[in-house]
Structures are given as C-alpha cells and as structure tokens.
PDB file of N, CA and C in Angstrom:
ATOM      1  N   MET A   1       0.837  -1.177   0.000  1.00  0.00           N
ATOM      2  CA  MET A   1       0.000   0.000   0.000  1.00  0.00           C
ATOM      3  C   MET A   1       0.884   1.244   0.000  1.00  0.00           C
ATOM      4  N   ILE A   2       0.519   2.217  -0.792  1.00  0.00           N
ATOM      5  CA  ILE A   2       1.307   3.432  -0.929  1.00  0.00           C
ATOM      6  C   ILE A   2       1.110   4.315   0.298  1.00  0.00           C
ATOM      7  N   ALA A   3       2.226   4.756   0.841  1.00  0.00           N
ATOM      8  CA  ALA A   3       2.204   5.624   2.027  1.00  0.00           C
ATOM      9  C   ALA A   3       1.705   7.008   1.640  1.00  0.00           C
ATOM     10  N   ASP A   4       1.574   7.893   2.620  1.00  0.00           N
ATOM     11  CA  ASP A   4       1.188   9.272   2.355  1.00  0.00           C
ATOM     12  C   ASP A   4       2.346   9.926   1.617  1.00  0.00           C
ATOM     13  N   VAL A   5       2.342   9.775   0.311  1.00  0.00           N
ATOM     14  CA  VAL A   5       3.467  10.183  -0.517  1.00  0.00           C
ATOM     15  C   VAL A   5       3.707  11.677  -0.464  1.00  0.00           C
ATOM     16  N   SER A   6       2.669  12.481  -0.417  1.00  0.00           N
ATOM     17  CA  SER A   6       2.860  13.931  -0.436  1.00  0.00           C
ATOM     18  C   SER A   6       3.688  14.420   0.742  1.00  0.00           C
ATOM     19  N   THR A   7       3.507  13.843   1.903  1.00  0.00           N
ATOM     20  CA  THR A   7       4.268  14.247   3.081  1.00  0.00           C
ATOM     21  C   THR A   7       5.598  13.522   3.153  1.00  0.00           C
ATOM     22  N   ARG A   8       5.563  12.235   2.972  1.00  0.00           N
ATOM     23  CA  ARG A   8       6.744  11.405   3.181  1.00  0.00           C
ATOM     24  C   ARG A   8       7.856  11.691   2.180  1.00  0.00           C
ATOM     25  N   THR A   9       7.506  11.896   0.925  1.00  0.00           N
ATOM     26  CA  THR A   9       8.534  12.053  -0.100  1.00  0.00           C
ATOM     27  C   THR A   9       9.245  13.399  -0.048  1.00  0.00           C
ATOM     28  N   THR A  10       8.739  14.319   0.732  1.00  0.00           N
ATOM     29  CA  THR A  10       9.437  15.599   0.873  1.00  0.00           C
ATOM     30  C   THR A  10      10.225  15.684   2.181  1.00  0.00           C
ATOM     31  N   ASP A  11      10.160  14.645   2.992  1.00  0.00           N
ATOM     32  CA  ASP A  11      10.911  14.576   4.248  1.00  0.00           C
ATOM     33  C   ASP A  11      12.366  14.217   3.911  1.00  0.00           C
ATOM     34  N   ARG A  12      13.274  15.121   4.193  1.00  0.00           N
ATOM     35  CA  ARG A  12      14.684  14.947   3.815  1.00  0.00           C
ATOM     36  C   ARG A  12      15.274  13.642   4.343  1.00  0.00           C
ATOM     37  N   ALA A  13      14.971  13.270   5.577  1.00  0.00           N
ATOM     38  CA  ALA A  13      15.502  12.024   6.144  1.00  0.00           C
ATOM     39  C   ALA A  13      14.957  10.809   5.390  1.00  0.00           C
ATOM     40  N   TRP A  14      13.671  10.836   5.049  1.00  0.00           N
ATOM     41  CA  TRP A  14      13.072   9.718   4.306  1.00  0.00           C
ATOM     42  C   TRP A  14      13.683   9.616   2.912  1.00  0.00           C
ATOM     43  N   VAL A  15      13.852  10.728   2.240  1.00  0.00           N
ATOM     44  CA  VAL A  15      14.446  10.741   0.900  1.00  0.00           C
ATOM     45  C   VAL A  15      15.846  10.137   0.949  1.00  0.00           C
ATOM     46  N   THR A  16      16.620  10.510   1.940  1.00  0.00           N
ATOM     47  CA  THR A  16      17.975   9.975   2.087  1.00  0.00           C
ATOM     48  C   THR A  16      17.946   8.482   2.389  1.00  0.00           C
ATOM     49  N   GLN A  17      17.043   8.055   3.263  1.00  0.00           N
ATOM     50  CA  GLN A  17      16.942   6.629   3.570  1.00  0.00           C
ATOM     51  C   GLN A  17      16.573   5.819   2.326  1.00  0.00           C
ATOM     52  N   CYS A  18      15.653   6.326   1.524  1.00  0.00           N
ATOM     53  CA  CYS A  18      15.269   5.632   0.287  1.00  0.00           C
ATOM     54  C   CYS A  18      16.467   5.478  -0.632  1.00  0.00           C
ATOM     55  N   ALA A  19      17.256   6.520  -0.742  1.00  0.00           N
ATOM     56  CA  ALA A  19      18.417   6.484  -1.628  1.00  0.00           C
ATOM     57  C   ALA A  19      19.459   5.490  -1.140  1.00  0.00           C
ATOM     58  N   LEU A  20      19.802   5.565   0.123  1.00  0.00           N
ATOM     59  CA  LEU A  20      20.873   4.740   0.648  1.00  0.00           C
ATOM     60  C   LEU A  20      20.478   3.286   0.842  1.00  0.00           C
ATOM     61  N   SER A  21      19.198   3.043   1.134  1.00  0.00           N
ATOM     62  CA  SER A  21      18.725   1.678   1.348  1.00  0.00           C
ATOM     63  C   SER A  21      18.127   1.060   0.090  1.00  0.00           C
ATOM     64  N   ARG A  22      18.021   1.850  -0.973  1.00  0.00           N
ATOM     65  CA  ARG A  22      17.419   1.407  -2.245  1.00  0.00           C
ATOM     66  C   ARG A  22      16.026   0.832  -2.021  1.00  0.00           C
ATOM     67  N   ILE A  23      15.191   1.646  -1.340  1.00  0.00           N
ATOM     68  CA  ILE A  23      13.800   1.261  -1.140  1.00  0.00           C
ATOM     69  C   ILE A  23      12.891   2.260  -1.843  1.00  0.00           C
ATOM     70  N   CYS A  24      11.687   1.809  -2.156  1.00  0.00           N
ATOM     71  CA  CYS A  24      10.701   2.636  -2.843  1.00  0.00           C
ATOM     72  C   CYS A  24      10.218   3.752  -1.924  1.00  0.00           C
ATOM     73  N   GLY A  25      10.166   4.959  -2.455  1.00  0.00           N
ATOM     74  CA  GLY A  25       9.706   6.104  -1.682  1.00  0.00           C
ATOM     75  C   GLY A  25       8.223   6.083  -1.391  1.00  0.00           C
ATOM     76  N   ALA A  26       7.462   5.249  -2.099  1.00  0.00           N
ATOM     77  CA  ALA A  26       6.020   5.177  -1.879  1.00  0.00           C
ATOM     78  C   ALA A  26       5.626   4.018  -0.980  1.00  0.00           C
ATOM     79  N   CYS A  27       6.182   2.824  -1.216  1.00  0.00           N
ATOM     80  CA  CYS A  27       5.740   1.641  -0.463  1.00  0.00           C
ATOM     81  C   CYS A  27       6.796   1.081   0.483  1.00  0.00           C
ATOM     82  N   ALA A  28       8.016   1.569   0.404  1.00  0.00           N
ATOM     83  CA  ALA A  28       9.133   1.186   1.275  1.00  0.00           C
ATOM     84  C   ALA A  28       9.647  -0.240   1.052  1.00  0.00           C
ATOM     85  N   ARG A  29       9.241  -0.877  -0.031  1.00  0.00           N
ATOM     86  CA  ARG A  29       9.784  -2.208  -0.349  1.00  0.00           C
ATOM     87  C   ARG A  29      11.081  -2.036  -1.147  1.00  0.00           C
ATOM     88  N   PRO A  30      11.953  -3.039  -1.149  1.00  0.00           N
ATOM     89  CA  PRO A  30      13.206  -2.946  -1.904  1.00  0.00           C
ATOM     90  C   PRO A  30      12.966  -2.689  -3.393  1.00  0.00           C
ATOM     91  N   LEU A  31      13.851  -1.895  -3.970  1.00  0.00           N
ATOM     92  CA  LEU A  31      13.758  -1.595  -5.405  1.00  0.00           C
ATOM     93  C   LEU A  31      14.474  -2.649  -6.231  1.00  0.00           C
ATOM     94  N   GLY A  32      13.922  -2.925  -7.389  1.00  0.00           N
ATOM     95  CA  GLY A  32      14.587  -3.735  -8.394  1.00  0.00           C
ATOM     96  C   GLY A  32      14.842  -2.828  -9.581  1.00  0.00           C
ATOM     97  N   ARG A  33      14.694  -3.349 -10.758  1.00  0.00           N
ATOM     98  CA  ARG A  33      14.809  -2.548 -11.974  1.00  0.00           C
ATOM     99  C   ARG A  33      13.638  -2.866 -12.873  1.00  0.00           C
ATOM    100  N   PRO A  34      13.102  -1.940 -13.604  1.00  0.00           N
ATOM    101  CA  PRO A  34      13.527  -0.546 -13.677  1.00  0.00           C
ATOM    102  C   PRO A  34      13.103   0.248 -12.441  1.00  0.00           C
ATOM    103  N   ILE A  35      13.718   1.388 -12.296  1.00  0.00           N
ATOM    104  CA  ILE A  35      13.428   2.331 -11.218  1.00  0.00           C
ATOM    105  C   ILE A  35      12.701   3.506 -11.847  1.00  0.00           C
ATOM    106  N   ALA A  36      11.735   4.049 -11.143  1.00  0.00           N
ATOM    107  CA  ALA A  36      10.975   5.177 -11.687  1.00  0.00           C
ATOM    108  C   ALA A  36      11.153   6.414 -10.812  1.00  0.00           C
ATOM    109  N   PHE A  37      11.152   7.560 -11.477  1.00  0.00           N
ATOM    110  CA  PHE A  37      11.153   8.848 -10.784  1.00  0.00           C
ATOM    111  C   PHE A  37       9.961   9.644 -11.281  1.00  0.00           C
ATOM    112  N   VAL A  38       9.335  10.377 -10.381  1.00  0.00           N
ATOM    113  CA  VAL A  38       8.211  11.244 -10.709  1.00  0.00           C
ATOM    114  C   VAL A  38       8.701  12.673 -10.578  1.00  0.00           C
ATOM    115  N   GLY A  39       8.437  13.470 -11.616  1.00  0.00           N
ATOM    116  CA  GLY A  39       8.899  14.847 -11.555  1.00  0.00           C
ATOM    117  C   GLY A  39       8.132  15.766 -12.470  1.00  0.00           C
ATOM    118  N   THR A  40       8.367  17.036 -12.269  1.00  0.00           N
ATOM    119  CA  THR A  40       7.776  18.064 -13.115  1.00  0.00           C
ATOM    120  C   THR A  40       8.522  18.099 -14.448  1.00  0.00           C
ATOM    121  N   ALA A  41       7.982  18.835 -15.402  1.00  0.00           N
ATOM    122  CA  ALA A  41       8.653  18.985 -16.692  1.00  0.00           C
ATOM    123  C   ALA A  41      10.044  19.591 -16.509  1.00  0.00           C
ATOM    124  N   GLU A  42      10.190  20.506 -15.558  1.00  0.00           N
ATOM    125  CA  GLU A  42      11.498  21.113 -15.288  1.00  0.00           C
ATOM    126  C   GLU A  42      12.490  20.075 -14.761  1.00  0.00           C
ATOM    127  N   GLU A  43      12.041  19.220 -13.834  1.00  0.00           N
ATOM    128  CA  GLU A  43      12.924  18.183 -13.304  1.00  0.00           C
ATOM    129  C   GLU A  43      13.315  17.190 -14.393  1.00  0.00           C
ATOM    130  N   VAL A  44      12.368  16.825 -15.242  1.00  0.00           N
ATOM    131  CA  VAL A  44      12.666  15.912 -16.352  1.00  0.00           C
ATOM    132  C   VAL A  44      13.692  16.547 -17.280  1.00  0.00           C
ATOM    133  N   GLY A  45      13.517  17.824 -17.594  1.00  0.00           N
ATOM    134  CA  GLY A  45      14.448  18.533 -18.467  1.00  0.00           C
ATOM    135  C   GLY A  45      15.850  18.637 -17.899  1.00  0.00           C
ATOM    136  N   ARG A  46      15.965  18.785 -16.586  1.00  0.00           N
ATOM    137  CA  ARG A  46      17.277  18.875 -15.927  1.00  0.00           C
ATOM    138  C   ARG A  46      17.845  17.507 -15.584  1.00  0.00           C
ATOM    139  N   ASN A  47      17.005  16.468 -15.675  1.00  0.00           N
ATOM    140  CA  ASN A  47      17.379  15.106 -15.264  1.00  0.00           C
ATOM    141  C   ASN A  47      17.825  15.101 -13.803  1.00  0.00           C
ATOM    142  N   ALA A  48      17.052  15.805 -12.987  1.00  0.00           N
ATOM    143  CA  ALA A  48      17.341  15.909 -11.555  1.00  0.00           C
ATOM    144  C   ALA A  48      16.000  15.938 -10.820  1.00  0.00           C
ATOM    145  N   PHE A  49      15.745  14.907 -10.016  1.00  0.00           N
ATOM    146  CA  PHE A  49      14.458  14.729  -9.360  1.00  0.00           C
ATOM    147  C   PHE A  49      14.592  14.857  -7.851  1.00  0.00           C
ATOM    148  N   HIS A  50      13.537  15.391  -7.217  1.00  0.00           N
ATOM    149  CA  HIS A  50      13.549  15.555  -5.769  1.00  0.00           C
ATOM    150  C   HIS A  50      12.812  14.433  -5.041  1.00  0.00           C
ATOM    151  N   LEU A  51      11.813  13.844  -5.671  1.00  0.00           N
ATOM    152  CA  LEU A  51      11.113  12.727  -5.040  1.00  0.00           C
ATOM    153  C   LEU A  51      11.998  11.490  -5.107  1.00  0.00           C
ATOM    154  N   PRO A  52      11.918  10.633  -4.104  1.00  0.00           N
ATOM    155  CA  PRO A  52      12.782   9.440  -4.081  1.00  0.00           C
ATOM    156  C   PRO A  52      12.398   8.434  -5.168  1.00  0.00           C
ATOM    157  N   PRO A  53      13.280   7.469  -5.421  1.00  0.00           N
ATOM    158  CA  PRO A  53      12.999   6.446  -6.430  1.00  0.00           C
ATOM    159  C   PRO A  53      11.800   5.600  -6.014  1.00  0.00           C
ATOM    160  N   MET A  54      11.116   5.053  -7.026  1.00  0.00           N
ATOM    161  CA  MET A  54       9.929   4.238  -6.776  1.00  0.00           C
ATOM    162  C   MET A  54       9.872   3.073  -7.753  1.00  0.00           C
ATOM    163  N   HIS A  55       9.037   2.095  -7.420  1.00  0.00           N
ATOM    164  CA  HIS A  55       8.686   1.055  -8.387  1.00  0.00           C
ATOM    165  C   HIS A  55       7.852   1.737  -9.476  1.00  0.00           C
ATOM    166  N   VAL A  56       7.870   1.201 -10.674  1.00  0.00           N
ATOM    167  CA  VAL A  56       7.108   1.795 -11.774  1.00  0.00           C
ATOM    168  C   VAL A  56       5.625   1.877 -11.419  1.00  0.00           C
ATOM    169  N   ASP A  57       5.051   0.806 -10.889  1.00  0.00           N
ATOM    170  CA  ASP A  57       3.626   0.817 -10.531  1.00  0.00           C
ATOM    171  C   ASP A  57       3.324   1.850  -9.452  1.00  0.00           C
ATOM    172  N   CYS A  58       4.184   1.964  -8.454  1.00  0.00           N
ATOM    173  CA  CYS A  58       3.989   2.959  -7.395  1.00  0.00           C
ATOM    174  C   CYS A  58       4.053   4.374  -7.975  1.00  0.00           C
ATOM    175  N   ALA A  59       4.993   4.609  -8.868  1.00  0.00           N
ATOM    176  CA  ALA A  59       5.149   5.934  -9.469  1.00  0.00           C
ATOM    177  C   ALA A  59       3.908   6.328 -10.255  1.00  0.00           C
ATOM    178  N   HIS A  60       3.378   5.407 -11.032  1.00  0.00           N
ATOM    179  CA  HIS A  60       2.170   5.714 -11.799  1.00  0.00           C
ATOM    180  C   HIS A  60       0.987   5.978 -10.878  1.00  0.00           C
ATOM    181  N   GLY A  61       1.015   5.419  -9.681  1.00  0.00           N
ATOM    182  CA  GLY A  61      -0.049   5.654  -8.716  1.00  0.00           C
ATOM    183  C   GLY A  61      -0.021   7.027  -8.075  1.00  0.00           C
ATOM    184  N   VAL A  62       1.099   7.735  -8.159  1.00  0.00           N
ATOM    185  CA  VAL A  62       1.194   9.066  -7.540  1.00  0.00           C
ATOM    186  C   VAL A  62       1.271  10.202  -8.550  1.00  0.00           C
ATOM    187  N   VAL A  63       1.341   9.866  -9.828  1.00  0.00           N
ATOM    188  CA  VAL A  63       1.426  10.907 -10.861  1.00  0.00           C
ATOM    189  C   VAL A  63       0.121  11.684 -10.922  1.00  0.00           C
ATOM    190  N   ASP A  64       0.258  12.993 -11.086  1.00  0.00           N
ATOM    191  CA  ASP A  64      -0.919  13.833 -11.318  1.00  0.00           C
ATOM    192  C   ASP A  64      -0.716  14.588 -12.625  1.00  0.00           C
ATOM    193  N   GLY A  65      -1.576  15.521 -12.913  1.00  0.00           N
ATOM    194  CA  GLY A  65      -1.517  16.241 -14.181  1.00  0.00           C
ATOM    195  C   GLY A  65      -0.285  17.110 -14.370  1.00  0.00           C
ATOM    196  N   SER A  66       0.443  17.393 -13.296  1.00  0.00           N
ATOM    197  CA  SER A  66       1.611  18.265 -13.415  1.00  0.00           C
ATOM    198  C   SER A  66       2.933  17.508 -13.373  1.00  0.00           C
ATOM    199  N   THR A  67       2.873  16.174 -13.263  1.00  0.00           N
ATOM    200  CA  THR A  67       4.098  15.393 -13.168  1.00  0.00           C
ATOM    201  C   THR A  67       4.109  14.265 -14.195  1.00  0.00           C
ATOM    202  N   GLN A  68       5.281  13.710 -14.390  1.00  0.00           N
ATOM    203  CA  GLN A  68       5.443  12.591 -15.306  1.00  0.00           C
ATOM    204  C   GLN A  68       6.440  11.594 -14.742  1.00  0.00           C
ATOM    205  N   VAL A  69       6.444  10.396 -15.321  1.00  0.00           N
ATOM    206  CA  VAL A  69       7.304   9.317 -14.846  1.00  0.00           C
ATOM    207  C   VAL A  69       8.459   9.112 -15.817  1.00  0.00           C
ATOM    208  N   VAL A  70       9.656   8.954 -15.269  1.00  0.00           N
ATOM    209  CA  VAL A  70      10.854   8.617 -16.037  1.00  0.00           C
ATOM    210  C   VAL A  70      11.398   7.327 -15.459  1.00  0.00           C
ATOM    211  N   THR A  71      11.760   6.382 -16.322  1.00  0.00           N
ATOM    212  CA  THR A  71      12.323   5.120 -15.837  1.00  0.00           C
ATOM    213  C   THR A  71      13.807   5.036 -16.170  1.00  0.00           C
ATOM    214  N   THR A  72      14.525   4.323 -15.306  1.00  0.00           N
ATOM    215  CA  THR A  72      15.968   4.230 -15.430  1.00  0.00           C
ATOM    216  C   THR A  72      16.451   2.903 -14.849  1.00  0.00           C
ATOM    217  N   ALA A  73      17.652   2.548 -15.195  1.00  0.00           N
ATOM    218  CA  ALA A  73      18.274   1.353 -14.615  1.00  0.00           C
ATOM    219  C   ALA A  73      19.134   1.711 -13.409  1.00  0.00           C
ATOM    220  N   GLY A  74      19.476   2.982 -13.245  1.00  0.00           N
ATOM    221  CA  GLY A  74      20.324   3.397 -12.142  1.00  0.00           C
ATOM    222  C   GLY A  74      20.250   4.892 -11.914  1.00  0.00           C
ATOM    223  N   PHE A  75      20.808   5.333 -10.796  1.00  0.00           N
ATOM    224  CA  PHE A  75      20.770   6.757 -10.474  1.00  0.00           C
ATOM    225  C   PHE A  75      21.910   7.113  -9.530  1.00  0.00           C
ATOM    226  N   GLU A  76      22.193   8.392  -9.483  1.00  0.00           N
ATOM    227  CA  GLU A  76      23.137   8.951  -8.520  1.00  0.00           C
ATOM    228  C   GLU A  76      22.331   9.765  -7.514  1.00  0.00           C
ATOM    229  N   PHE A  77      22.679   9.646  -6.248  1.00  0.00           N
ATOM    230  CA  PHE A  77      22.070  10.455  -5.200  1.00  0.00           C
ATOM    231  C   PHE A  77      23.007  11.627  -4.946  1.00  0.00           C
ATOM    232  N   VAL A  78      22.499  12.836  -5.098  1.00  0.00           N
ATOM    233  CA  VAL A  78      23.336  14.033  -4.982  1.00  0.00           C
ATOM    234  C   VAL A  78      22.875  14.854  -3.790  1.00  0.00           C
ATOM    235  N   ARG A  79      23.782  15.005  -2.839  1.00  0.00           N
ATOM    236  CA  ARG A  79      23.498  15.874  -1.692  1.00  0.00           C
ATOM    237  C   ARG A  79      23.961  17.281  -2.053  1.00  0.00           C
ATOM    238  N   PRO A  80      23.158  18.290  -1.732  1.00  0.00           N
ATOM    239  CA  PRO A  80      23.520  19.651  -2.136  1.00  0.00           C
ATOM    240  C   PRO A  80      24.798  20.135  -1.451  1.00  0.00           C
ATOM    241  N   ALA A  81      25.595  20.843  -2.213  1.00  0.00           N
ATOM    242  CA  ALA A  81      26.797  21.477  -1.671  1.00  0.00           C
ATOM    243  C   ALA A  81      26.401  22.780  -0.982  1.00  0.00           C
ATOM    244  N   LYS A  82      27.287  23.294  -0.197  1.00  0.00           N
ATOM    245  CA  LYS A  82      27.015  24.512   0.570  1.00  0.00           C
ATOM    246  C   LYS A  82      26.575  25.667  -0.331  1.00  0.00           C
ATOM    247  N   ASP A  83      27.148  25.778  -1.528  1.00  0.00           N
ATOM    248  CA  ASP A  83      26.839  26.904  -2.399  1.00  0.00           C
ATOM    249  C   ASP A  83      25.757  26.613  -3.446  1.00  0.00           C
ATOM    250  N   ASP A  84      25.130  25.429  -3.409  1.00  0.00           N
ATOM    251  CA  ASP A  84      24.035  25.125  -4.330  1.00  0.00           C
ATOM    252  C   ASP A  84      22.823  25.987  -4.006  1.00  0.00           C
ATOM    253  N   LEU A  85      22.161  26.480  -5.043  1.00  0.00           N
ATOM    254  CA  LEU A  85      20.942  27.255  -4.833  1.00  0.00           C
ATOM    255  C   LEU A  85      19.812  26.365  -4.327  1.00  0.00           C
ATOM    256  N   ASP A  86      19.721  25.160  -4.860  1.00  0.00           N
ATOM    257  CA  ASP A  86      18.701  24.198  -4.440  1.00  0.00           C
ATOM    258  C   ASP A  86      19.285  23.357  -3.311  1.00  0.00           C
ATOM    259  N   LYS A  87      18.767  23.514  -2.123  1.00  0.00           N
ATOM    260  CA  LYS A  87      19.314  22.843  -0.936  1.00  0.00           C
ATOM    261  C   LYS A  87      18.729  21.454  -0.698  1.00  0.00           C
ATOM    262  N   ARG A  88      17.840  20.992  -1.583  1.00  0.00           N
ATOM    263  CA  ARG A  88      17.231  19.673  -1.403  1.00  0.00           C
ATOM    264  C   ARG A  88      18.091  18.597  -2.066  1.00  0.00           C
ATOM    265  N   PRO A  89      18.149  17.410  -1.464  1.00  0.00           N
ATOM    266  CA  PRO A  89      18.849  16.309  -2.128  1.00  0.00           C
ATOM    267  C   PRO A  89      18.122  15.967  -3.421  1.00  0.00           C
ATOM    268  N   ARG A  90      18.866  15.443  -4.391  1.00  0.00           N
ATOM    269  CA  ARG A  90      18.242  15.135  -5.676  1.00  0.00           C
ATOM    270  C   ARG A  90      18.787  13.820  -6.237  1.00  0.00           C
ATOM    271  N   PHE A  91      18.057  13.316  -7.178  1.00  0.00           N
ATOM    272  CA  PHE A  91      18.401  12.047  -7.839  1.00  0.00           C
ATOM    273  C   PHE A  91      18.626  12.330  -9.309  1.00  0.00           C
ATOM    274  N   GLU A  92      19.718  11.811  -9.836  1.00  0.00           N
ATOM    275  CA  GLU A  92      20.046  12.002 -11.251  1.00  0.00           C
ATOM    276  C   GLU A  92      20.130  10.631 -11.913  1.00  0.00           C
ATOM    277  N   PRO A  93      19.074  10.248 -12.658  1.00  0.00           N
ATOM    278  CA  PRO A  93      19.099   8.973 -13.380  1.00  0.00           C
ATOM    279  C   PRO A  93      20.281   8.942 -14.339  1.00  0.00           C
ATOM    280  N   ASN A  94      20.939   7.769 -14.451  1.00  0.00           N
ATOM    281  CA  ASN A  94      22.107   7.700 -15.326  1.00  0.00           C
ATOM    282  C   ASN A  94      21.953   6.730 -16.484  1.00  0.00           C
ATOM    283  N   SER A  95      20.857   6.004 -16.557  1.00  0.00           N
ATOM    284  CA  SER A  95      20.625   5.063 -17.647  1.00  0.00           C
ATOM    285  C   SER A  95      19.138   5.072 -17.991  1.00  0.00           C
ATOM    286  N   LEU A  96      18.687   6.160 -18.626  1.00  0.00           N
ATOM    287  CA  LEU A  96      17.266   6.298 -18.918  1.00  0.00           C
ATOM    288  C   LEU A  96      16.789   5.177 -19.836  1.00  0.00           C
ATOM    289  N   LEU A  97      15.594   4.704 -19.569  1.00  0.00           N
ATOM    290  CA  LEU A  97      14.997   3.631 -20.377  1.00  0.00           C
ATOM    291  C   LEU A  97      13.884   4.176 -21.235  1.00  0.00           C
TER     292      LEU A  97
END
C-alpha cells in the first residue's frame, strides 16, 4: 500500500533513507529494476528529481496532471553542496529507459 506520498517524499531524512537503502519512496519495499522517478517537466528537463525512487507501478499511482514518470536502470544520489541554490537532495538517473 502506498504511504502518504505527499508528506513522506518531501521529508529529507526519508528521501535519504530511500536512496541509501534502495527502497521505494512510496511503499518502502526494496527496489529492483527498472526504477521510476516522478517529476515536473522542469525536473525531467534537468534530469534531476527531488522525489525518491519508486517502483514503476507505485510511481504511476502518484502521478498527477503536473508530473510525469521517467524510468531508469540506475541513479546517482546528490546531496547539495554549501553553495548550491537548491538545498534539497536530488536524484540524477544515469541510464534512462
């Protein structure tokens, strides 16, 4: 069952745990491949997402009219540097499918 994604996926500690433990940001089960990210058109264009990785089915369950799903085989977890304008951790898919 999908957790309260709107609150949970913006919690910095939860986002970090999902990245480091390779668990789904929506259901908290282990991730396999492919991995899905949900993001705005701007995030898709930059290839940098703020919501944690998800299973494809979980991602499609949280998409709304302003977001889209991108699938990948892998990703990098990027913690913001002191001088970054965007202080939120982000995910950069490295093998788009």
